[in-house]
C-alpha atoms as a PDB file:
ATOM      1  CA  MET A   1      11.597 116.639 114.441  1.00  0.00           C
ATOM      2  CA  LYS A   2      13.716 116.235 111.340  1.00  0.00           C
ATOM      3  CA  LYS A   3      11.897 119.116 109.693  1.00  0.00           C
ATOM      4  CA  ARG A   4      12.548 121.267 112.759  1.00  0.00           C
ATOM      5  CA  GLY A   5      16.258 120.426 112.636  1.00  0.00           C
ATOM      6  CA  MET A   6      16.454 121.261 108.951  1.00  0.00           C
ATOM      7  CA  GLY A   7      14.646 124.531 109.664  1.00  0.00           C
ATOM      8  CA  VAL A   8      17.356 125.492 112.184  1.00  0.00           C
ATOM      9  CA  ILE A   9      20.068 124.702 109.642  1.00  0.00           C
ATOM     10  CA  TYR A  10      18.305 126.695 106.917  1.00  0.00           C
ATOM     11  CA  CYS A  11      17.995 129.729 109.245  1.00  0.00           C
ATOM     12  CA  LEU A  12      21.684 129.588 110.124  1.00  0.00           C
ATOM     13  CA  MET A  13      22.612 129.283 106.438  1.00  0.00           C
ATOM     14  CA  LEU A  14      20.461 132.336 105.674  1.00  0.00           C
ATOM     15  CA  ILE A  15      22.214 134.355 108.424  1.00  0.00           C
ATOM     16  CA  LEU A  16      25.578 133.253 107.052  1.00  0.00           C
ATOM     17  CA  LEU A  17      24.602 134.388 103.569  1.00  0.00           C
ATOM     18  CA  LEU A  18      23.448 137.781 104.840  1.00  0.00           C
ATOM     19  CA  VAL A  19      26.636 138.367 106.864  1.00  0.00           C
ATOM     20  CA  SER A  20      28.866 137.422 103.949  1.00  0.00           C
ATOM     21  CA  SER A  21      27.016 139.798 101.620  1.00  0.00           C
ATOM     22  CA  VAL A  22      27.023 142.905 103.872  1.00  0.00           C
ATOM     23  CA  PRO A  23      30.304 144.402 102.557  1.00  0.00           C
ATOM     24  CA  LEU A  24      28.981 144.005  99.005  1.00  0.00           C
ATOM     25  CA  TYR A  25      25.885 146.156  99.570  1.00  0.00           C
ATOM     26  CA  ALA A  26      27.129 148.608 102.198  1.00  0.00           C
ATOM     27  CA  HIS A  27      27.393 152.135 100.744  1.00  0.00           C
ATOM     28  CA  GLU A  28      26.028 150.834  97.443  1.00  0.00           C
ATOM     29  CA  ASP A  29      25.249 154.332  96.196  1.00  0.00           C
ATOM     30  CA  GLU A  30      28.836 155.453  96.853  1.00  0.00           C
ATOM     31  CA  LEU A  31      30.248 152.483  94.950  1.00  0.00           C
ATOM     32  CA  GLU A  32      28.034 153.195  91.959  1.00  0.00           C
ATOM     33  CA  SER A  33      28.872 156.899  91.840  1.00  0.00           C
ATOM     34  CA  THR A  34      32.563 156.547  92.681  1.00  0.00           C
ATOM     35  CA  PRO A  35      34.206 153.392  91.316  1.00  0.00           C
ATOM     36  CA  GLN A  36      37.057 152.273  93.564  1.00  0.00           C
ATOM     37  CA  VAL A  37      39.891 149.808  93.159  1.00  0.00           C
ATOM     38  CA  VAL A  38      40.168 147.790  96.372  1.00  0.00           C
ATOM     39  CA  SER A  39      43.693 146.822  97.421  1.00  0.00           C
ATOM     40  CA  TYR A  40      44.016 143.761  99.615  1.00  0.00           C
ATOM     41  CA  SER A  41      47.283 145.207 100.944  1.00  0.00           C
ATOM     42  CA  ASP A  42      45.405 148.186 102.348  1.00  0.00           C
ATOM     43  CA  PRO A  43      45.316 147.809 106.186  1.00  0.00           C
ATOM     44  CA  ALA A  44      41.889 149.424 106.415  1.00  0.00           C
ATOM     45  CA  HIS A  45      40.452 146.968 103.926  1.00  0.00           C
ATOM     46  CA  LEU A  46      42.202 144.074 105.647  1.00  0.00           C
ATOM     47  CA  HIS A  47      40.515 145.098 108.893  1.00  0.00           C
ATOM     48  CA  THR A  48      37.106 144.922 107.196  1.00  0.00           C
ATOM     49  CA  VAL A  49      37.902 141.558 105.638  1.00  0.00           C
ATOM     50  CA  THR A  50      39.129 140.239 108.997  1.00  0.00           C
ATOM     51  CA  LEU A  51      35.889 141.216 110.740  1.00  0.00           C
ATOM     52  CA  LYS A  52      33.902 139.593 107.971  1.00  0.00           C
ATOM     53  CA  ILE A  53      35.874 136.344 108.223  1.00  0.00           C
ATOM     54  CA  LEU A  54      35.551 136.275 112.012  1.00  0.00           C
ATOM     55  CA  GLY A  55      31.792 136.768 111.701  1.00  0.00           C
ATOM     56  CA  ILE A  56      31.422 133.988 109.132  1.00  0.00           C
ATOM     57  CA  ALA A  57      33.653 131.622 111.132  1.00  0.00           C
ATOM     58  CA  SER A  58      31.605 132.269 114.282  1.00  0.00           C
ATOM     59  CA  ILE A  59      28.342 131.536 112.486  1.00  0.00           C
ATOM     60  CA  ILE A  60      29.724 128.342 110.934  1.00  0.00           C
ATOM     61  CA  ALA A  61      30.922 127.169 114.347  1.00  0.00           C
ATOM     62  CA  LEU A  62      27.578 128.087 115.890  1.00  0.00           C
ATOM     63  CA  ALA A  63      25.737 126.170 113.182  1.00  0.00           C
ATOM     64  CA  PHE A  64      27.715 123.026 113.936  1.00  0.00           C
ATOM     65  CA  VAL A  65      27.126 123.490 117.682  1.00  0.00           C
ATOM     66  CA  VAL A  66      23.358 123.763 117.158  1.00  0.00           C
ATOM     67  CA  VAL A  67      23.306 120.751 114.868  1.00  0.00           C
ATOM     68  CA  ALA A  68      25.459 118.756 117.310  1.00  0.00           C
ATOM     69  CA  ILE A  69      23.099 119.539 120.187  1.00  0.00           C
ATOM     70  CA  ARG A  70      20.003 118.847 118.110  1.00  0.00           C
ATOM     71  CA  TYR A  71      21.319 115.484 116.874  1.00  0.00           C
ATOM     72  CA  GLU A  72      23.377 114.544 119.912  1.00  0.00           C
ATOM     73  CA  LYS A  73      22.520 110.853 119.811  1.00  0.00           C
ATOM     74  CA  GLN A  74      23.290 110.456 116.124  1.00  0.00           C
ATOM     75  CA  MET A  75      26.660 112.198 116.441  1.00  0.00           C
ATOM     76  CA  LYS A  76      28.054 110.362 119.461  1.00  0.00           C
ATOM     77  CA  LYS A  77      30.124 108.212 117.120  1.00  0.00           C
ATOM     78  CA  SER A  78      31.497 111.258 115.294  1.00  0.00           C
ATOM     79  CA  LYS A  79      32.616 113.450 118.193  1.00  0.00           C
ATOM     80  CA  LYS A  80      36.055 114.117 116.684  1.00  0.00           C
ATOM     81  CA  VAL A  81      34.550 115.171 113.376  1.00  0.00           C
ATOM     82  CA  VAL A  82      32.099 117.479 115.127  1.00  0.00           C
ATOM     83  CA  PHE A  83      34.884 118.985 117.261  1.00  0.00           C
ATOM     84  CA  ILE A  84      37.055 119.621 114.204  1.00  0.00           C
ATOM     85  CA  ALA A  85      34.106 121.125 112.334  1.00  0.00           C
ATOM     86  CA  ILE A  86      33.502 123.541 115.201  1.00  0.00           C
ATOM     87  CA  ALA A  87      37.131 124.361 116.037  1.00  0.00           C
ATOM     88  CA  LEU A  88      38.627 124.591 112.539  1.00  0.00           C
ATOM     89  CA  PRO A  89      36.743 127.710 111.320  1.00  0.00           C
ATOM     90  CA  LEU A  90      37.571 129.565 114.537  1.00  0.00           C
ATOM     91  CA  LEU A  91      41.216 128.467 114.402  1.00  0.00           C
ATOM     92  CA  LEU A  92      41.646 129.582 110.787  1.00  0.00           C
ATOM     93  CA  ALA A  93      39.946 132.902 111.507  1.00  0.00           C
ATOM     94  CA  SER A  94      42.177 133.454 114.539  1.00  0.00           C
ATOM     95  CA  LEU A  95      45.302 132.719 112.509  1.00  0.00           C
ATOM     96  CA  PHE A  96      44.133 135.181 109.853  1.00  0.00           C
ATOM     97  CA  LEU A  97      43.523 137.800 112.565  1.00  0.00           C
ATOM     98  CA  VAL A  98      47.022 137.313 113.984  1.00  0.00           C
ATOM     99  CA  GLY A  99      48.538 137.494 110.492  1.00  0.00           C
ATOM    100  CA  THR A 100      46.723 140.690 109.528  1.00  0.00           C
ATOM    101  CA  THR A 101      47.623 142.308 112.869  1.00  0.00           C
ATOM    102  CA  ILE A 102      51.308 141.564 112.323  1.00  0.00           C
ATOM    103  CA  TYR A 103      51.123 142.773 108.720  1.00  0.00           C
ATOM    104  CA  THR A 104      49.318 145.989 109.699  1.00  0.00           C
ATOM    105  CA  ASN A 105      52.011 146.751 112.266  1.00  0.00           C
ATOM    106  CA  ILE A 106      54.839 146.081 109.842  1.00  0.00           C
ATOM    107  CA  VAL A 107      53.490 148.292 107.027  1.00  0.00           C
ATOM    108  CA  SER A 108      52.341 151.121 109.301  1.00  0.00           C
ATOM    109  CA  MET A 109      54.111 154.474 109.271  1.00  0.00           C
ATOM    110  CA  THR A 110      55.096 153.978 112.904  1.00  0.00           C
ATOM    111  CA  GLY A 111      56.166 150.334 112.571  1.00  0.00           C
ATOM    112  CA  GLY A 112      53.779 149.299 115.333  1.00  0.00           C
ATOM    113  CA  PRO A 113      51.716 150.820 118.147  1.00  0.00           C
ATOM    114  CA  VAL A 114      52.784 154.148 119.671  1.00  0.00           C
ATOM    115  CA  HIS A 115      51.795 156.247 122.672  1.00  0.00           C
ATOM    116  CA  TRP A 116      52.360 159.956 122.063  1.00  0.00           C
ATOM    117  CA  HIS A 117      51.051 162.982 123.946  1.00  0.00           C
ATOM    118  CA  ALA A 118      50.948 166.732 123.578  1.00  0.00           C
ATOM    119  CA  ASP A 119      49.137 169.333 125.688  1.00  0.00           C
ATOM    120  CA  TYR A 120      47.160 172.178 124.193  1.00  0.00           C
ATOM    121  CA  GLU A 121      45.013 175.141 125.109  1.00  0.00           C
ATOM    122  CA  VAL A 122      42.464 177.042 123.057  1.00  0.00           C
ATOM    123  CA  TRP A 123      42.017 180.762 123.726  1.00  0.00           C
ATOM    124  CA  ALA A 124      39.507 183.161 122.178  1.00  0.00           C
ATOM    125  CA  CYS A 125      39.625 186.876 122.989  1.00  0.00           C
ATOM    126  CA  ASP A 126      41.609 186.162 126.186  1.00  0.00           C
ATOM    127  CA  LYS A 127      39.123 183.502 127.365  1.00  0.00           C
ATOM    128  CA  LYS A 128      40.271 179.898 127.702  1.00  0.00           C
ATOM    129  CA  LEU A 129      37.877 177.425 126.083  1.00  0.00           C
ATOM    130  CA  ASP A 130      37.223 173.954 127.435  1.00  0.00           C
ATOM    131  CA  LEU A 131      36.460 170.994 125.194  1.00  0.00           C
ATOM    132  CA  ILE A 132      33.101 169.312 125.624  1.00  0.00           C
ATOM    133  CA  ASP A 133      33.165 166.720 128.417  1.00  0.00           C
ATOM    134  CA  PRO A 134      33.415 163.064 127.372  1.00  0.00           C
ATOM    135  CA  LYS A 135      30.496 160.736 128.024  1.00  0.00           C
ATOM    136  CA  GLY A 136      30.215 157.002 128.339  1.00  0.00           C
ATOM    137  CA  LEU A 137      32.578 154.288 129.523  1.00  0.00           C
ATOM    138  CA  SER A 138      35.326 155.220 127.053  1.00  0.00           C
ATOM    139  CA  ASN A 139      35.745 158.620 128.803  1.00  0.00           C
ATOM    140  CA  ARG A 140      37.164 160.185 125.671  1.00  0.00           C
ATOM    141  CA  ILE A 141      36.375 162.618 122.886  1.00  0.00           C
ATOM    142  CA  GLY A 142      37.616 161.282 119.551  1.00  0.00           C
ATOM    143  CA  THR A 143      38.681 157.838 118.407  1.00  0.00           C
ATOM    144  CA  ALA A 144      40.666 155.079 120.059  1.00  0.00           C
ATOM    145  CA  THR A 145      43.751 156.218 118.142  1.00  0.00           C
ATOM    146  CA  LEU A 146      43.332 159.998 118.490  1.00  0.00           C
ATOM    147  CA  HIS A 147      41.453 161.507 121.414  1.00  0.00           C
ATOM    148  CA  GLU A 148      41.260 163.639 124.566  1.00  0.00           C
ATOM    149  CA  HIS A 149      40.315 162.553 128.117  1.00  0.00           C
ATOM    150  CA  ASN A 150      39.048 165.841 129.579  1.00  0.00           C
ATOM    151  CA  ASP A 151      42.672 166.736 130.328  1.00  0.00           C
ATOM    152  CA  ASP A 152      43.634 169.224 127.551  1.00  0.00           C
ATOM    153  CA  ARG A 153      45.959 166.548 126.215  1.00  0.00           C
ATOM    154  CA  ILE A 154      46.110 165.048 122.736  1.00  0.00           C
ATOM    155  CA  HIS A 155      46.529 161.269 122.964  1.00  0.00           C
ATOM    156  CA  VAL A 156      47.872 159.247 120.032  1.00  0.00           C
ATOM    157  CA  GLU A 157      47.583 155.587 120.939  1.00  0.00           C
ATOM    158  CA  GLY A 158      47.900 152.573 118.648  1.00  0.00           C
ATOM    159  CA  VAL A 159      49.115 151.916 115.136  1.00  0.00           C
ATOM    160  CA  VAL A 160      49.372 154.976 112.870  1.00  0.00           C
ATOM    161  CA  GLN A 161      49.143 154.226 109.148  1.00  0.00           C
ATOM    162  CA  ASP A 162      49.623 157.834 107.977  1.00  0.00           C
ATOM    163  CA  LEU A 163      51.069 160.641 110.121  1.00  0.00           C
ATOM    164  CA  GLN A 164      48.555 163.094 108.680  1.00  0.00           C
ATOM    165  CA  ASP A 165      45.827 160.992 110.273  1.00  0.00           C
ATOM    166  CA  VAL A 166      47.140 162.248 113.637  1.00  0.00           C
ATOM    167  CA  SER A 167      47.920 165.809 112.611  1.00  0.00           C
ATOM    168  CA  LEU A 168      46.635 168.816 114.553  1.00  0.00           C
ATOM    169  CA  GLY A 169      43.953 169.393 111.943  1.00  0.00           C
ATOM    170  CA  GLY A 170      43.076 165.700 112.058  1.00  0.00           C
ATOM    171  CA  TYR A 171      42.686 165.879 115.819  1.00  0.00           C
ATOM    172  CA  PHE A 172      40.223 168.768 115.637  1.00  0.00           C
ATOM    173  CA  GLU A 173      38.240 166.914 112.975  1.00  0.00           C
ATOM    174  CA  THR A 174      38.169 163.810 115.190  1.00  0.00           C
ATOM    175  CA  ILE A 175      36.749 165.702 118.175  1.00  0.00           C
ATOM    176  CA  GLY A 176      34.046 167.279 116.031  1.00  0.00           C
ATOM    177  CA  GLY A 177      35.693 170.645 115.392  1.00  0.00           C
ATOM    178  CA  GLU A 178      37.893 172.186 112.729  1.00  0.00           C
ATOM    179  CA  LEU A 179      41.285 173.848 112.645  1.00  0.00           C
ATOM    180  CA  SER A 180      42.208 175.174 109.213  1.00  0.00           C
ATOM    181  CA  PRO A 181      43.867 178.366 107.949  1.00  0.00           C
ATOM    182  CA  ASN A 182      42.054 181.345 109.563  1.00  0.00           C
ATOM    183  CA  HIS A 183      39.222 179.126 110.830  1.00  0.00           C
ATOM    184  CA  LEU A 184      38.578 177.501 114.208  1.00  0.00           C
ATOM    185  CA  THR A 185      35.534 175.504 115.316  1.00  0.00           C
ATOM    186  CA  TYR A 186      35.596 174.050 118.836  1.00  0.00           C
ATOM    187  CA  PRO A 187      32.883 171.975 120.557  1.00  0.00           C
ATOM    188  CA  THR A 188      32.295 173.021 124.177  1.00  0.00           C
ATOM    189  CA  ASN A 189      29.683 172.303 126.843  1.00  0.00           C
ATOM    190  CA  GLU A 190      28.120 175.661 125.926  1.00  0.00           C
ATOM    191  CA  GLY A 191      27.848 174.647 122.286  1.00  0.00           C
ATOM    192  CA  GLU A 192      29.979 174.748 119.162  1.00  0.00           C
ATOM    193  CA  LEU A 193      32.062 177.938 118.943  1.00  0.00           C
ATOM    194  CA  THR A 194      33.430 179.231 115.650  1.00  0.00           C
ATOM    195  CA  TYR A 195      36.038 181.934 115.051  1.00  0.00           C
ATOM    196  CA  ARG A 196      37.401 183.253 111.777  1.00  0.00           C
ATOM    197  CA  THR A 197      40.206 185.701 111.237  1.00  0.00           C
ATOM    198  CA  GLY A 198      38.531 189.110 111.005  1.00  0.00           C
ATOM    199  CA  ASP A 199      35.704 188.329 113.431  1.00  0.00           C
ATOM    200  CA  LEU A 200      35.382 190.898 116.216  1.00  0.00           C
ATOM    201  CA  CYS A 201      36.251 190.292 119.865  1.00  0.00           C
ATOM    202  CA  PRO A 202      34.088 191.934 122.568  1.00  0.00           C
ATOM    203  CA  ASP A 203      36.323 195.027 122.400  1.00  0.00           C
ATOM    204  CA  ASN A 204      35.332 195.419 118.717  1.00  0.00           C
ATOM    205  CA  LYS A 205      38.865 194.608 117.551  1.00  0.00           C
ATOM    206  CA  PRO A 206      39.232 192.046 114.722  1.00  0.00           C
ATOM    207  CA  GLY A 207      40.813 188.810 115.865  1.00  0.00           C
ATOM    208  CA  ILE A 208      43.552 186.817 114.151  1.00  0.00           C
ATOM    209  CA  LEU A 209      43.802 183.045 114.457  1.00  0.00           C
ATOM    210  CA  LYS A 210      47.291 181.885 115.415  1.00  0.00           C
ATOM    211  CA  VAL A 211      48.828 178.608 116.555  1.00  0.00           C
ATOM    212  CA  PHE A 212      51.985 178.431 118.643  1.00  0.00           C
ATOM    213  CA  VAL A 213      54.001 175.259 119.114  1.00  0.00           C
ATOM    214  CA  ASN A 214      56.354 175.436 122.081  1.00  0.00           C
ATOM    215  CA  GLY A 215      56.054 179.221 122.113  1.00  0.00           C
ATOM    216  CA  LYS A 216      56.693 179.873 118.409  1.00  0.00           C
ATOM    217  CA  LYS A 217      54.126 180.721 115.777  1.00  0.00           C
ATOM    218  CA  LYS A 218      53.381 177.900 113.369  1.00  0.00           C
ATOM    219  CA  GLU A 219      52.269 178.716 109.852  1.00  0.00           C
ATOM    220  CA  ASP A 220      51.160 175.356 108.413  1.00  0.00           C
ATOM    221  CA  TYR A 221      49.534 174.373 111.698  1.00  0.00           C
ATOM    222  CA  SER A 222      46.714 172.153 110.432  1.00  0.00           C
ATOM    223  CA  HIS A 223      49.258 169.610 109.114  1.00  0.00           C
ATOM    224  CA  TYR A 224      51.487 169.709 112.187  1.00  0.00           C
ATOM    225  CA  VAL A 225      52.158 166.309 113.780  1.00  0.00           C
ATOM    226  CA  LEU A 226      53.062 166.447 117.453  1.00  0.00           C
ATOM    227  CA  THR A 227      56.492 165.399 118.709  1.00  0.00           C
ATOM    228  CA  HIS A 228      56.803 161.640 119.080  1.00  0.00           C
ATOM    229  CA  VAL A 229      57.132 161.393 122.852  1.00  0.00           C
ATOM    230  CA  ALA A 230      54.995 159.948 125.624  1.00  0.00           C
ATOM    231  CA  TYR A 231      55.447 162.531 128.392  1.00  0.00           C
ATOM    232  CA  VAL A 232      54.587 166.228 128.588  1.00  0.00           C
ATOM    233  CA  PRO A 233      56.976 167.906 128.938  1.00  0.00           C
ATOM    234  CA  PRO A 234      59.094 167.303 126.873  1.00  0.00           C
ATOM    235  CA  GLY A 235      56.011 166.756 124.733  1.00  0.00           C
ATOM    236  CA  ASP A 236      54.613 169.763 122.874  1.00  0.00           C
ATOM    237  CA  CYS A 237      52.736 172.659 124.392  1.00  0.00           C
ATOM    238  CA  ILE A 238      50.360 173.910 121.685  1.00  0.00           C
ATOM    239  CA  ILE A 239      48.503 177.205 122.063  1.00  0.00           C
ATOM    240  CA  ILE A 240      45.630 178.039 119.687  1.00  0.00           C
ATOM    241  CA  ASP A 241      44.906 181.720 120.126  1.00  0.00           C
ATOM    242  CA  PHE A 242      42.268 183.931 118.518  1.00  0.00           C
ATOM    243  CA  SER A 243      43.078 187.534 119.482  1.00  0.00           C
ATOM    244  CA  PRO A 244      43.753 190.968 117.937  1.00  0.00           C
ATOM    245  CA  GLU A 245      47.530 190.705 118.412  1.00  0.00           C
ATOM    246  CA  ASP A 246      49.503 189.224 115.523  1.00  0.00           C
ATOM    247  CA  ALA A 247      52.591 188.065 117.389  1.00  0.00           C
ATOM    248  CA  GLU A 248      55.354 185.602 116.521  1.00  0.00           C
ATOM    249  CA  THR A 249      55.573 184.264 120.077  1.00  0.00           C
ATOM    250  CA  THR A 250      53.211 183.790 123.022  1.00  0.00           C
ATOM    251  CA  ASN A 251      53.405 184.153 126.779  1.00  0.00           C
ATOM    252  CA  LYS A 252      50.613 181.620 127.289  1.00  0.00           C
ATOM    253  CA  ILE A 253      51.929 178.239 128.407  1.00  0.00           C
ATOM    254  CA  CYS A 254      50.346 174.864 129.163  1.00  0.00           C
ATOM    255  CA  ALA A 255      49.599 173.987 132.780  1.00  0.00           C
ATOM    256  CA  SER A 256      51.753 170.848 132.601  1.00  0.00           C
ATOM    257  CA  TRP A 257      54.765 172.909 131.537  1.00  0.00           C
ATOM    258  CA  ARG A 258      54.159 175.454 134.299  1.00  0.00           C
ATOM    259  CA  ALA A 259      53.830 172.695 136.885  1.00  0.00           C
ATOM    260  CA  LYS A 260      57.280 171.345 136.006  1.00  0.00           C
ATOM    261  CA  GLU A 261      58.704 174.872 135.645  1.00  0.00           C
ATOM    262  CA  TRP A 262      59.406 174.449 131.962  1.00  0.00           C
ATOM    263  CA  THR A 263      59.704 177.549 129.769  1.00  0.00           C
ATOM    264  CA  TYR A 264      59.956 178.162 126.039  1.00  0.00           C
ATOM    265  CA  LYS A 265      63.615 179.164 126.359  1.00  0.00           C
END
């Protein structure tokens, strides 16, 4: 029986060792080819460290639970010690999690979590394109911070470390497309559609990729960060239009603006 108990402990110690070593060997090839200096003040790195600590703390606590159950009779006189051994790792890990969460909020570009929205429409040769439908319980295309819910609306939710992470170009990258100068790639239910300035529309006229923000043409559109508001309107109406006309303004307007009788004037 003692050998069996020691076997359980050895297995748990092996799992603990493997979990603690994962960050060291993950992406080993990348680390060898591209040396990096890790900053412990970097929120992204802190998140990784926090997950690692929580994992280790959970395994340590689990190890003590298994040992306590296995040797219940022998440990009846040391209940307080066993309780502290189980609770302390989880308590310390929880305190670290709270601390890193507060720190991440303080050093973020937004000073904490935000909830911004902007509506948009994508048009190609006078045909409105619809983003691929979301699947799964999350009901979203994109990440938790930057996504769309099958509503033609850009959602920015959470802590933003860098505003360019939630730029218009960043949004298209997040949903699996691309929006860069003279180039548009958009994932739809019919497949991935790509348009480049100069490509022909069905009428054999070369199209020009343009982006309008609140009715006005935007030049550096891939780096545009939507207005920091929760409701649309007054949140942005963004029109991405691939068509032969090279105009400075657009008559196309988001459905949410039309519904509330908002105009570009």
